[in-house]
Protein backbone atom coordinates (compact mmCIF):
# COMPACT_ATOMS: atom_id res chain seq x y z
CA MET A 1 -71.91 187.23 -90.55
CA SER A 2 -69.67 186.20 -87.77
CA PHE A 3 -66.51 184.03 -87.82
CA LEU A 4 -68.25 180.67 -87.00
CA ASP A 5 -70.22 181.34 -90.18
CA TYR A 6 -66.67 180.54 -91.89
CA SER A 7 -66.04 177.27 -90.03
CA GLU A 8 -65.43 174.01 -91.17
CA ASP A 9 -68.85 172.83 -89.95
CA ALA A 10 -70.77 176.09 -91.65
CA LEU A 11 -68.95 176.44 -95.22
CA VAL A 12 -67.73 172.71 -95.54
CA GLU A 13 -69.43 169.85 -93.67
CA LYS A 14 -72.87 171.02 -93.80
CA PRO A 15 -72.98 171.91 -97.46
CA ALA A 16 -71.22 168.21 -97.84
CA ILE A 17 -74.09 166.76 -96.25
CA GLN A 18 -76.75 168.49 -97.94
CA LEU A 19 -75.41 167.54 -101.19
CA LEU A 20 -75.35 163.84 -100.46
CA GLU A 21 -78.68 164.27 -99.18
CA SER A 22 -79.85 165.33 -102.31
CA LEU A 23 -78.33 162.42 -103.87
CA GLY A 24 -80.15 159.96 -101.84
CA TRP A 25 -78.21 159.61 -98.91
CA THR A 26 -79.87 159.54 -95.06
CA ALA A 27 -77.85 161.57 -92.78
CA LEU A 28 -77.27 161.08 -89.23
CA ASN A 29 -75.10 163.36 -86.79
CA ALA A 30 -73.67 160.45 -84.68
CA TYR A 31 -71.33 162.85 -82.38
CA GLY A 32 -74.00 161.60 -79.42
CA GLU A 33 -74.47 158.08 -80.70
CA PHE A 34 -73.71 156.78 -76.99
CA GLU A 35 -75.12 159.45 -75.04
CA HIS A 36 -77.59 157.48 -73.18
CA GLY A 37 -75.45 153.85 -72.91
CA VAL A 38 -77.00 152.25 -75.95
CA SER A 39 -75.74 153.27 -79.60
CA SER A 40 -78.64 154.72 -81.63
CA LEU A 41 -76.80 152.70 -84.39
CA GLY A 42 -77.07 149.34 -83.02
CA ARG A 43 -73.25 149.05 -82.21
CA GLU A 44 -72.08 147.43 -78.95
CA THR A 45 -68.73 149.43 -78.66
CA LYS A 46 -67.09 152.26 -80.83
CA ALA A 47 -64.69 149.50 -81.85
CA GLU A 48 -67.16 147.81 -84.45
CA VAL A 49 -67.36 149.71 -87.95
CA ILE A 50 -69.97 147.72 -89.35
CA LEU A 51 -73.83 148.39 -88.55
CA THR A 52 -75.08 144.76 -88.27
CA THR A 53 -78.66 146.21 -87.80
CA ARG A 54 -78.82 147.34 -91.24
CA LEU A 55 -76.64 144.52 -93.03
CA ARG A 56 -78.81 142.13 -91.92
CA GLN A 57 -81.76 143.34 -93.15
CA LYS A 58 -80.31 144.13 -96.54
CA LEU A 59 -78.97 140.54 -96.43
CA LEU A 60 -82.63 139.52 -95.83
CA ASP A 61 -83.83 141.46 -98.77
CA LEU A 62 -81.38 140.79 -101.35
CA ASN A 63 -81.71 137.22 -100.55
CA PRO A 64 -84.76 136.52 -99.82
CA GLU A 65 -84.62 132.54 -100.24
CA ALA A 66 -81.54 132.34 -97.93
CA SER A 67 -82.11 130.56 -94.39
CA PRO A 68 -81.46 132.55 -91.28
CA GLU A 69 -78.34 130.53 -90.60
CA ALA A 70 -76.80 131.30 -93.98
CA VAL A 71 -77.75 135.41 -93.30
CA HIS A 72 -75.77 134.93 -89.81
CA ALA A 73 -72.77 133.07 -91.42
CA ALA A 74 -72.53 136.07 -94.03
CA ILE A 75 -72.60 138.63 -91.30
CA GLU A 76 -69.72 136.76 -89.33
CA GLU A 77 -67.70 136.44 -92.55
CA LEU A 78 -68.04 140.18 -93.16
CA THR A 79 -67.26 141.30 -89.82
CA ARG A 80 -64.57 138.90 -88.37
CA ASP A 81 -61.18 140.34 -87.28
CA ARG A 82 -59.10 141.20 -90.18
CA SER A 83 -56.04 142.63 -88.01
CA ARG A 84 -53.13 140.17 -88.63
CA LEU A 85 -53.66 140.87 -92.57
CA SER A 86 -52.04 143.83 -94.43
CA PRO A 87 -54.17 146.87 -94.78
CA ALA A 88 -54.26 146.35 -98.15
CA ALA A 89 -54.89 142.43 -98.06
CA ALA A 90 -57.92 143.18 -95.47
CA ASN A 91 -59.49 145.39 -98.21
CA ARG A 92 -58.98 143.24 -100.95
CA ALA A 93 -60.61 140.40 -99.10
CA VAL A 94 -63.84 142.52 -98.34
CA TYR A 95 -63.90 143.76 -101.49
CA HIS A 96 -64.02 140.12 -103.16
CA LEU A 97 -67.12 139.67 -100.51
CA LEU A 98 -69.18 142.92 -102.07
CA LYS A 99 -68.32 142.20 -105.48
CA ASN A 100 -68.65 138.32 -105.68
CA GLY A 101 -70.91 137.57 -102.72
CA VAL A 102 -70.59 135.91 -99.53
CA ARG A 103 -70.26 132.13 -99.75
CA VAL A 104 -71.91 130.00 -97.19
CA GLU A 105 -72.22 126.53 -96.76
CA VAL A 106 -75.91 125.27 -96.11
CA ALA A 107 -77.15 122.65 -94.29
CA ASP A 108 -79.94 120.00 -95.34
CA PRO A 109 -82.64 119.03 -93.03
CA ASP A 110 -80.93 116.22 -91.77
CA GLY A 111 -78.03 118.61 -90.48
CA ALA A 112 -75.37 117.27 -93.12
CA THR A 113 -73.83 120.00 -95.56
CA GLY A 114 -76.35 120.37 -98.32
CA GLY A 115 -74.31 122.76 -100.75
CA VAL A 116 -72.91 126.16 -101.15
CA GLU A 117 -74.75 129.26 -101.52
CA PHE A 118 -73.48 132.98 -102.33
CA LEU A 119 -75.36 136.06 -100.63
CA ARG A 120 -75.36 139.12 -102.43
CA VAL A 121 -74.15 142.26 -100.06
CA ILE A 122 -74.89 145.12 -102.33
CA ASP A 123 -77.02 145.35 -105.73
CA TRP A 124 -75.03 146.74 -108.28
CA GLU A 125 -77.83 146.47 -110.85
CA SER A 126 -80.25 148.87 -109.10
CA PRO A 127 -78.45 151.40 -106.85
CA ALA A 128 -81.70 152.51 -105.62
CA ASN A 129 -82.34 148.83 -103.76
CA ASN A 130 -79.47 149.67 -101.41
CA ASP A 131 -79.29 151.49 -98.04
CA PHE A 132 -77.47 154.58 -98.05
CA LEU A 133 -76.59 156.08 -94.39
CA LEU A 134 -74.26 159.04 -94.02
CA CYS A 135 -72.76 159.63 -90.39
CA SER A 136 -71.47 162.66 -89.24
CA GLN A 137 -68.85 162.80 -86.27
CA PHE A 138 -68.80 158.86 -86.27
CA TRP A 139 -66.44 157.84 -83.56
CA VAL A 140 -64.07 154.96 -83.84
CA THR A 141 -62.13 153.22 -81.29
CA GLY A 142 -58.77 151.24 -82.03
CA GLU A 143 -56.54 149.33 -79.92
CA MET A 144 -55.45 152.28 -77.92
CA HIS A 145 -56.90 155.35 -79.36
CA THR A 146 -60.55 156.90 -80.19
CA ARG A 147 -60.73 159.28 -83.28
CA ARG A 148 -64.00 160.91 -84.82
CA ALA A 149 -64.37 160.67 -88.69
CA ASP A 150 -65.86 164.14 -90.13
CA LEU A 151 -68.03 161.81 -92.52
CA VAL A 152 -68.45 157.99 -92.82
CA GLY A 153 -70.97 156.55 -95.77
CA PHE A 154 -72.58 153.58 -94.92
CA VAL A 155 -73.67 151.34 -98.17
CA ASN A 156 -75.93 148.51 -96.54
CA GLY A 157 -74.09 148.91 -93.13
CA LEU A 158 -70.86 148.63 -94.50
CA PRO A 159 -68.39 151.81 -94.38
CA LEU A 160 -67.51 152.01 -98.15
CA LEU A 161 -67.40 155.77 -97.84
CA LEU A 162 -65.05 158.15 -95.85
CA ILE A 163 -65.13 161.91 -96.04
CA GLU A 164 -62.35 163.82 -94.55
CA LEU A 165 -62.73 168.05 -94.27
CA LYS A 166 -60.86 170.92 -93.49
CA ALA A 167 -61.71 174.39 -93.08
CA VAL A 168 -61.70 176.11 -96.11
CA HIS A 169 -58.69 178.74 -94.90
CA ARG A 170 -56.70 175.02 -94.15
CA ARG A 171 -54.16 173.36 -96.53
CA LEU A 172 -55.87 170.29 -97.97
CA GLU A 173 -52.82 168.53 -97.86
CA THR A 174 -53.26 168.45 -93.78
CA ALA A 175 -56.39 165.89 -94.34
CA TYR A 176 -54.16 163.60 -95.77
CA SER A 177 -51.17 163.85 -93.98
CA GLY A 178 -52.40 165.00 -90.41
CA ASN A 179 -55.89 162.85 -90.32
CA LEU A 180 -56.02 160.38 -92.73
CA ARG A 181 -52.53 158.80 -92.58
CA ASP A 182 -53.66 158.83 -88.20
CA TYR A 183 -56.51 157.14 -89.12
CA LYS A 184 -54.85 154.29 -91.21
CA ASP A 185 -52.55 153.51 -87.67
CA THR A 186 -54.92 153.99 -84.89
CA ILE A 187 -58.45 152.64 -86.48
CA PRO A 188 -57.45 150.60 -89.32
CA GLN A 189 -60.80 148.50 -89.14
CA LEU A 190 -62.36 151.57 -90.52
CA PHE A 191 -60.63 150.88 -93.93
CA TRP A 192 -61.21 147.04 -94.53
CA ALA A 193 -64.30 147.62 -96.49
CA ASN A 194 -63.65 151.21 -97.83
CA ALA A 195 -63.81 151.98 -101.46
CA LEU A 196 -63.50 155.69 -101.40
CA ILE A 197 -61.92 158.51 -99.73
CA ILE A 198 -62.46 162.36 -100.32
CA LEU A 199 -60.65 164.71 -98.83
CA SER A 200 -62.01 168.65 -99.12
CA ASN A 201 -61.46 172.05 -97.76
CA GLY A 202 -64.56 173.32 -100.01
CA SER A 203 -62.44 174.91 -102.44
CA ARG A 204 -60.35 172.09 -103.21
CA SER A 205 -61.24 168.24 -103.09
CA ARG A 206 -59.51 165.08 -104.08
CA VAL A 207 -60.34 161.16 -104.17
CA GLY A 208 -58.28 158.44 -103.72
CA SER A 209 -58.37 154.80 -102.31
CA LEU A 210 -56.94 153.37 -99.30
CA THR A 211 -53.29 152.83 -100.73
CA ALA A 212 -53.20 155.84 -102.79
CA GLY A 213 -50.33 158.52 -102.01
CA TRP A 214 -51.16 162.14 -101.95
CA GLU A 215 -49.87 162.29 -105.54
CA HIS A 216 -52.30 159.92 -106.40
CA PHE A 217 -55.47 161.52 -105.18
CA ALA A 218 -58.63 163.06 -108.00
CA GLU A 219 -58.60 159.61 -109.39
CA TRP A 220 -60.23 156.14 -108.91
CA LYS A 221 -57.90 153.63 -108.97
CA ARG A 222 -57.83 149.98 -110.92
CA VAL A 223 -58.35 146.92 -108.76
CA ASP A 224 -55.49 144.82 -110.19
CA ASP A 225 -53.32 148.74 -109.60
CA VAL A 226 -51.89 148.30 -112.90
CA PRO A 227 -48.93 150.91 -113.76
CA SER A 228 -49.59 154.41 -114.73
CA CYS A 229 -49.51 155.42 -118.18
CA SER A 230 -50.00 158.32 -120.89
CA THR A 231 -51.12 156.74 -123.97
CA LEU A 232 -53.47 153.99 -124.74
CA TYR A 233 -54.14 151.95 -128.01
CA LEU A 234 -57.67 150.56 -128.23
CA ASP A 235 -57.69 147.93 -131.02
CA LYS A 236 -60.56 145.73 -129.98
CA PRO A 237 -64.63 146.55 -128.84
CA MET A 238 -65.20 147.70 -125.25
CA ARG A 239 -68.06 148.99 -123.54
CA ASN A 240 -69.77 149.63 -120.13
CA HIS A 241 -67.62 148.84 -117.33
CA THR A 242 -64.87 148.05 -118.89
CA LEU A 243 -64.45 151.14 -121.15
CA MET A 244 -64.77 153.06 -118.07
CA GLN A 245 -62.20 151.57 -116.38
CA THR A 246 -59.78 152.19 -119.53
CA ILE A 247 -60.55 155.38 -119.48
CA ALA A 248 -59.78 155.66 -115.60
CA ARG A 249 -56.44 154.04 -116.49
CA ALA A 250 -55.38 156.70 -118.79
CA ASN A 251 -56.95 159.55 -116.67
CA ARG A 252 -55.09 158.23 -113.62
CA VAL A 253 -52.67 161.31 -112.44
CA TYR A 254 -48.98 160.54 -111.58
CA ALA A 255 -46.01 163.26 -110.78
CA GLY A 256 -45.54 165.24 -114.35
CA LYS A 257 -48.40 163.85 -116.07
CA VAL A 258 -51.17 166.45 -117.52
CA SER A 259 -53.22 164.20 -119.69
CA GLY A 260 -53.61 160.73 -121.10
CA LEU A 261 -54.29 159.70 -124.52
CA ILE A 262 -56.40 157.39 -125.84
CA VAL A 263 -55.84 156.60 -129.50
CA ASP A 264 -59.38 154.52 -130.61
CA TYR A 265 -58.70 152.38 -133.79
CA ALA A 266 -62.18 150.46 -132.90
CA GLY A 267 -64.68 153.25 -132.81
CA VAL A 268 -65.23 152.35 -129.24
CA PHE A 269 -66.53 155.79 -128.03
CA ARG A 270 -69.57 155.48 -129.73
CA SER A 271 -70.21 152.99 -126.69
CA LEU A 272 -69.43 156.20 -124.24
CA GLU A 273 -72.85 157.84 -124.05
CA LYS A 274 -74.25 154.44 -122.85
CA ALA A 275 -71.22 153.85 -120.62
CA LEU A 276 -71.67 157.31 -118.90
CA ALA A 277 -75.60 156.25 -118.77
CA ILE A 278 -74.92 153.29 -116.56
CA TYR A 279 -71.81 154.43 -114.61
CA GLY A 280 -72.15 158.02 -114.68
CA ALA A 281 -73.57 160.28 -111.83
CA PRO A 282 -77.23 159.49 -110.96
CA GLY A 283 -79.51 162.34 -112.30
CA GLN A 284 -77.16 164.42 -113.33
CA GLY A 285 -77.41 163.45 -116.98
CA GLY A 286 -74.14 161.13 -116.59
CA GLY A 287 -71.82 164.32 -115.73
CA ASP A 288 -68.94 165.91 -117.57
CA LYS A 289 -67.23 163.67 -119.91
CA PRO A 290 -64.46 161.89 -118.88
CA VAL A 291 -63.13 161.74 -122.41
CA GLU A 292 -62.41 165.00 -124.77
CA ASP A 293 -60.72 165.66 -128.14
CA LYS A 294 -57.39 166.64 -127.98
CA ALA A 295 -58.35 169.94 -129.55
CA ALA A 296 -58.82 170.70 -125.88
CA LEU A 297 -55.30 170.15 -124.80
CA ALA A 298 -54.55 172.32 -127.88
CA ALA A 299 -57.11 174.95 -126.20
CA ALA A 300 -55.49 174.94 -122.99
CA LEU A 301 -52.03 175.25 -124.11
CA ARG A 302 -53.15 178.59 -125.89
CA ARG A 303 -54.35 179.91 -122.76
CA ALA A 304 -51.41 178.97 -120.89
CA ILE A 305 -49.20 180.69 -123.69
CA ASP A 306 -51.40 183.86 -123.58
CA ALA A 307 -51.30 183.87 -119.74
CA ALA A 308 -47.55 183.81 -119.82
CA ASP A 309 -47.46 186.74 -122.85
CA GLY A 310 -49.88 188.75 -120.66
CA LEU A 311 -47.56 188.35 -117.50
CA CYS A 312 -44.61 189.40 -119.57
CA ARG A 313 -46.41 192.53 -120.78
CA GLN A 314 -47.21 193.67 -117.56
CA GLN A 315 -43.31 193.73 -116.69
CA GLY A 316 -42.72 195.80 -119.53
CA LEU A 317 -41.43 192.94 -121.76
CA SER A 318 -42.38 191.53 -125.34
CA LEU A 319 -42.35 188.07 -126.19
CA ALA A 320 -43.64 188.74 -129.70
CA ALA A 321 -40.58 191.18 -130.52
CA ILE A 322 -38.23 188.24 -129.13
CA ARG A 323 -40.04 185.46 -131.49
CA ALA A 324 -39.94 188.05 -134.47
CA ALA A 325 -36.41 188.83 -134.26
CA GLU A 326 -34.48 188.06 -137.81
CA GLY A 327 -31.31 188.49 -138.96
CA PHE A 328 -28.85 190.67 -137.29
CA GLU A 329 -31.64 191.51 -134.57
CA ARG A 330 -31.34 187.57 -133.43
CA ILE A 331 -27.99 188.80 -131.90
CA GLU A 332 -30.10 191.01 -129.58
CA ARG A 333 -32.23 188.03 -129.15
CA ILE A 334 -29.85 187.12 -126.18
CA GLU A 335 -30.06 190.66 -124.75
CA ARG A 336 -33.63 190.78 -124.76
CA LEU A 337 -33.97 187.39 -123.17
CA ASP A 338 -31.49 188.91 -120.30
CA ASP A 339 -33.49 191.78 -119.73
CA ALA A 340 -36.56 189.67 -119.44
CA VAL A 341 -34.76 187.80 -116.87
CA ASP A 342 -34.16 190.50 -114.90
CA ALA A 343 -37.63 192.07 -115.05
CA LEU A 344 -39.10 188.94 -113.99
CA VAL A 345 -36.80 187.95 -110.98
CA GLY A 346 -36.99 191.42 -109.46
CA SER A 347 -40.29 190.09 -107.58
CA ASP A 348 -40.31 186.61 -105.70
CA GLU A 349 -44.13 186.65 -106.48
CA ILE A 350 -43.75 187.50 -110.16
CA LYS A 351 -41.03 185.09 -110.57
CA ARG A 352 -43.09 182.17 -109.16
CA ARG A 353 -46.01 183.04 -111.18
CA PHE A 354 -43.91 183.08 -114.48
CA LEU A 355 -42.30 179.66 -113.77
CA SER A 356 -45.61 178.22 -112.83
CA LEU A 357 -46.90 179.23 -116.31
CA ALA A 358 -43.62 178.10 -118.09
CA GLN A 359 -43.85 174.76 -116.32
CA THR A 360 -47.41 174.44 -117.51
CA VAL A 361 -46.81 175.32 -120.95
CA GLN A 362 -44.04 172.87 -121.19
CA ARG A 363 -46.17 170.13 -119.84
CA LEU A 364 -49.16 170.88 -122.33
CA TYR A 365 -47.01 171.17 -125.28
CA LYS A 366 -45.42 167.76 -124.46
CA ALA A 367 -48.80 166.20 -123.83
CA LEU A 368 -49.86 167.61 -127.22
CA LEU A 369 -46.92 165.96 -129.29
CA PRO A 370 -46.79 164.55 -132.11
CA ASP A 371 -50.23 165.83 -133.24
CA PRO A 372 -49.36 168.56 -136.23
CA PRO A 373 -51.27 171.33 -134.28
CA ALA A 374 -48.04 171.02 -131.84
CA GLN A 375 -45.80 172.49 -134.66
CA ASP A 376 -47.80 175.60 -134.57
CA PHE A 377 -46.87 176.24 -131.20
CA GLY A 378 -43.06 175.56 -131.42
CA THR A 379 -42.20 179.16 -132.29
CA GLU A 380 -44.56 180.68 -129.43
CA ILE A 381 -43.53 178.44 -126.53
CA ALA A 382 -39.77 178.52 -127.58
CA PRO A 383 -39.10 181.94 -125.59
CA ILE A 384 -41.03 180.87 -122.85
CA GLU A 385 -38.94 177.87 -122.21
CA VAL A 386 -36.07 179.47 -122.49
CA ILE A 387 -36.60 182.31 -120.12
CA GLY A 388 -37.79 179.88 -117.42
CA ASP A 389 -34.88 177.97 -118.01
CA LYS A 390 -32.51 180.83 -117.61
CA ILE A 391 -34.20 181.75 -114.45
CA ARG A 392 -33.84 178.41 -112.41
CA ALA A 393 -29.86 178.23 -113.84
CA LEU A 394 -29.90 181.13 -111.57
CA THR A 395 -30.32 179.00 -108.54
CA PRO A 396 -26.98 177.38 -107.73
CA PRO A 397 -26.75 173.80 -106.80
CA ALA A 398 -27.30 173.08 -103.27
CA ASP A 399 -23.53 172.56 -101.63
CA ILE A 400 -23.86 169.73 -99.42
CA SER A 401 -19.83 169.52 -99.06
CA LEU A 402 -20.41 170.48 -95.44
CA VAL A 403 -23.15 167.90 -94.62
CA MET A 404 -20.64 165.01 -96.22
CA SER A 405 -17.73 166.15 -94.56
CA GLN A 406 -19.77 165.69 -91.19
CA VAL A 407 -21.15 162.27 -92.61
CA GLU A 408 -17.69 161.18 -92.96
CA SER A 409 -16.27 162.32 -89.68
CA LEU A 410 -19.39 160.40 -88.01
CA LEU A 411 -18.39 157.27 -90.41
CA ASP A 412 -14.78 157.66 -89.10
CA ARG A 413 -15.70 157.99 -85.34
CA SER A 414 -18.27 154.92 -85.56
CA ILE A 415 -16.29 152.48 -87.72
CA ALA A 416 -13.16 151.05 -86.48
CA THR A 417 -10.92 149.11 -88.93
CA GLU A 418 -8.55 146.34 -87.98
CA GLY A 419 -6.12 144.18 -89.76
CA TYR A 420 -6.97 141.05 -91.37
CA LEU A 421 -4.58 138.09 -90.41
CA ILE A 422 -3.84 135.83 -93.45
CA ARG A 423 -2.76 132.42 -92.43
CA GLU A 424 -0.23 130.70 -93.88
CA GLN A 425 -1.17 127.18 -95.70
CA GLY A 426 0.67 125.15 -93.04
CA ASP A 427 -0.86 126.60 -90.08
CA GLU A 428 -4.51 125.66 -91.54
CA ALA A 429 -3.33 122.31 -92.69
CA GLU A 430 -2.33 121.51 -89.24
CA ARG A 431 -6.17 121.93 -87.95
CA TRP A 432 -7.25 119.93 -90.73
CA VAL A 433 -8.60 116.16 -89.46
CA ASP A 434 -9.51 113.47 -91.89
CA LEU A 435 -12.53 111.50 -90.26
CA SER A 436 -12.16 108.59 -92.57
CA ASN A 437 -9.05 107.53 -90.35
CA VAL A 438 -11.18 108.01 -87.10
CA ASP A 439 -11.40 105.02 -85.01
CA PHE A 440 -15.00 105.37 -83.62
CA ALA A 441 -14.73 102.37 -81.46
CA LYS A 442 -11.55 103.71 -79.61
CA LEU A 443 -13.17 106.84 -79.26
CA ALA A 444 -16.33 105.52 -77.75
CA GLU A 445 -14.19 103.42 -75.40
CA ARG A 446 -12.35 106.95 -74.58
CA LEU A 447 -15.51 108.67 -73.94
CA ASN A 448 -16.65 106.12 -71.74
CA ALA A 449 -13.62 106.07 -69.98
CA GLU A 450 -13.94 109.81 -69.42
CA GLU A 451 -17.13 109.36 -68.21
CA GLN A 452 -16.51 106.94 -65.55
CA ARG A 453 -13.53 108.96 -64.32
CA ALA A 454 -15.68 112.26 -63.97
CA LEU A 455 -18.40 110.25 -62.17
CA ALA A 456 -15.77 108.90 -60.12
CA GLU A 457 -14.35 112.28 -59.20
CA GLN A 458 -17.90 113.23 -58.36
CA LEU A 459 -18.50 110.57 -55.89
CA SER A 460 -15.04 110.96 -54.11
CA GLU A 461 -15.58 114.81 -53.84
CA ASP A 462 -19.40 114.07 -52.53
CA LEU A 463 -17.72 111.59 -49.84
CA PHE A 464 -15.40 114.08 -48.93
CA GLU A 465 -17.94 116.43 -48.17
CA GLU A 466 -19.28 114.21 -46.13
CA LYS A 467 -16.60 113.39 -44.11
CA ALA A 468 -15.42 116.82 -43.70
CA GLY A 469 -18.73 117.38 -42.08
CA VAL A 470 -18.68 114.95 -39.71
CA VAL A 471 -15.20 115.92 -38.91
CA PHE A 472 -15.87 119.34 -38.20
CA GLN A 473 -19.04 118.53 -36.28
CA HIS A 474 -17.32 116.32 -33.89
CA VAL A 475 -14.46 118.85 -33.60
CA TYR A 476 -17.60 121.52 -32.52
CA GLU A 477 -19.06 118.83 -30.16
CA THR A 478 -15.71 118.46 -28.37
CA TYR A 479 -14.51 121.98 -28.20
CA TYR A 480 -18.07 123.63 -27.32
CA GLY A 481 -19.69 120.58 -25.59
CA GLY A 482 -22.22 120.01 -28.22
CA GLY A 483 -24.00 123.35 -27.94
CA GLY A 484 -25.22 123.67 -31.23
CA SER A 485 -25.02 122.13 -35.07
CA VAL A 486 -22.71 123.45 -37.71
CA TYR A 487 -23.23 122.73 -41.45
CA ALA A 488 -19.73 122.87 -43.65
CA GLN A 489 -19.63 123.85 -47.43
CA THR A 490 -16.74 123.22 -49.61
CA ALA A 491 -16.35 125.05 -52.59
């Protein structure tokens, strides 16, 4: 087996294509789309990101009563330039067209406007009625640059899915920071219709939307982008799409959040199986449930505590002995905690592993609160948290005094202070003018007089220049015998 067998194409891209093909997508390698001068996808240029040939056919299929003019108008609306809008605004505008249909005006036989129709773009009720095309190595040209996306999924000719891949040995974050960010800047039109972005290196995968930061990618976001939350209380009936959106909101990730808690007062989860059957992954029985009983959280906490205990035992430490200390033995607890710290910081790898486990234990414990089972774990997690805090306390706070001194020095050199002159009241009072006492008639006469005087002075200067020129010409002709002409210019 050669090194090429471990490449991004072999280990990540081809298996991803095969997986999507098994879900009903038609795959096409678009690397040589313009190889013979004409696009095999029907695009006129690489700047086009909507496959209008496929879009037109599906508009006709989904709207059999629509006239050719109405279909043409719908295509014009879907493909129009939205570069003056912000990326989020452009994406929101297309989203509404996909959700609600494209509004077109219909003319009657006499040519007058006969009414308004809404043309469906996607069949939301029957997914199999849509056209699913997956293009690998898809070229897109922006205002200045051309980029090649790994996988672009077209639904009825619209690029709703973008998948950016990395080799299995590459950091997944680079797909976001090195590729996705660049695409947003250089080929923004690819995201106007985008609904889903997937980043993967084969080992790890994350899912997100156009406006999601890296920390918010593995979660679908609500359209109205509501704030993240950890606990939701359900006190009214929900079903189908509304129920799935509510679950997604509780599951939405953000920094420091382990899981979401849903308190069901209305027996809503009886409708969960039906919702999963409608909106879950096709052909997979709805997939894993997005909601689990809180007992699963307790089980996860148990596994994390056991892992921390096991790591300590490997270093010759007994957390059980620390927990069991009673009476005078409690005095020795501090010494045992210090010994534990010394043993765990001896290796950077062991230190990092323990701190990671301690953080996981703490986060899971907080997520489990205030349920009664959480109280059973209190005694077990206490030494893990204390040892973790003691290890972190060994790292001194960052000394930024030198940086602050340099900043202050820079400010001293860059900003000059000058005294502010405070005038006395008498000085200011002399400059005040009472407009009610102004004689505007005399002021107009004065201005007219000034204007006449300026005009007279200008005429006098012009006359002087003319006479001076004549005199100078006469002198020249007398002296040189009229051998030429000279022009005098007075300043």
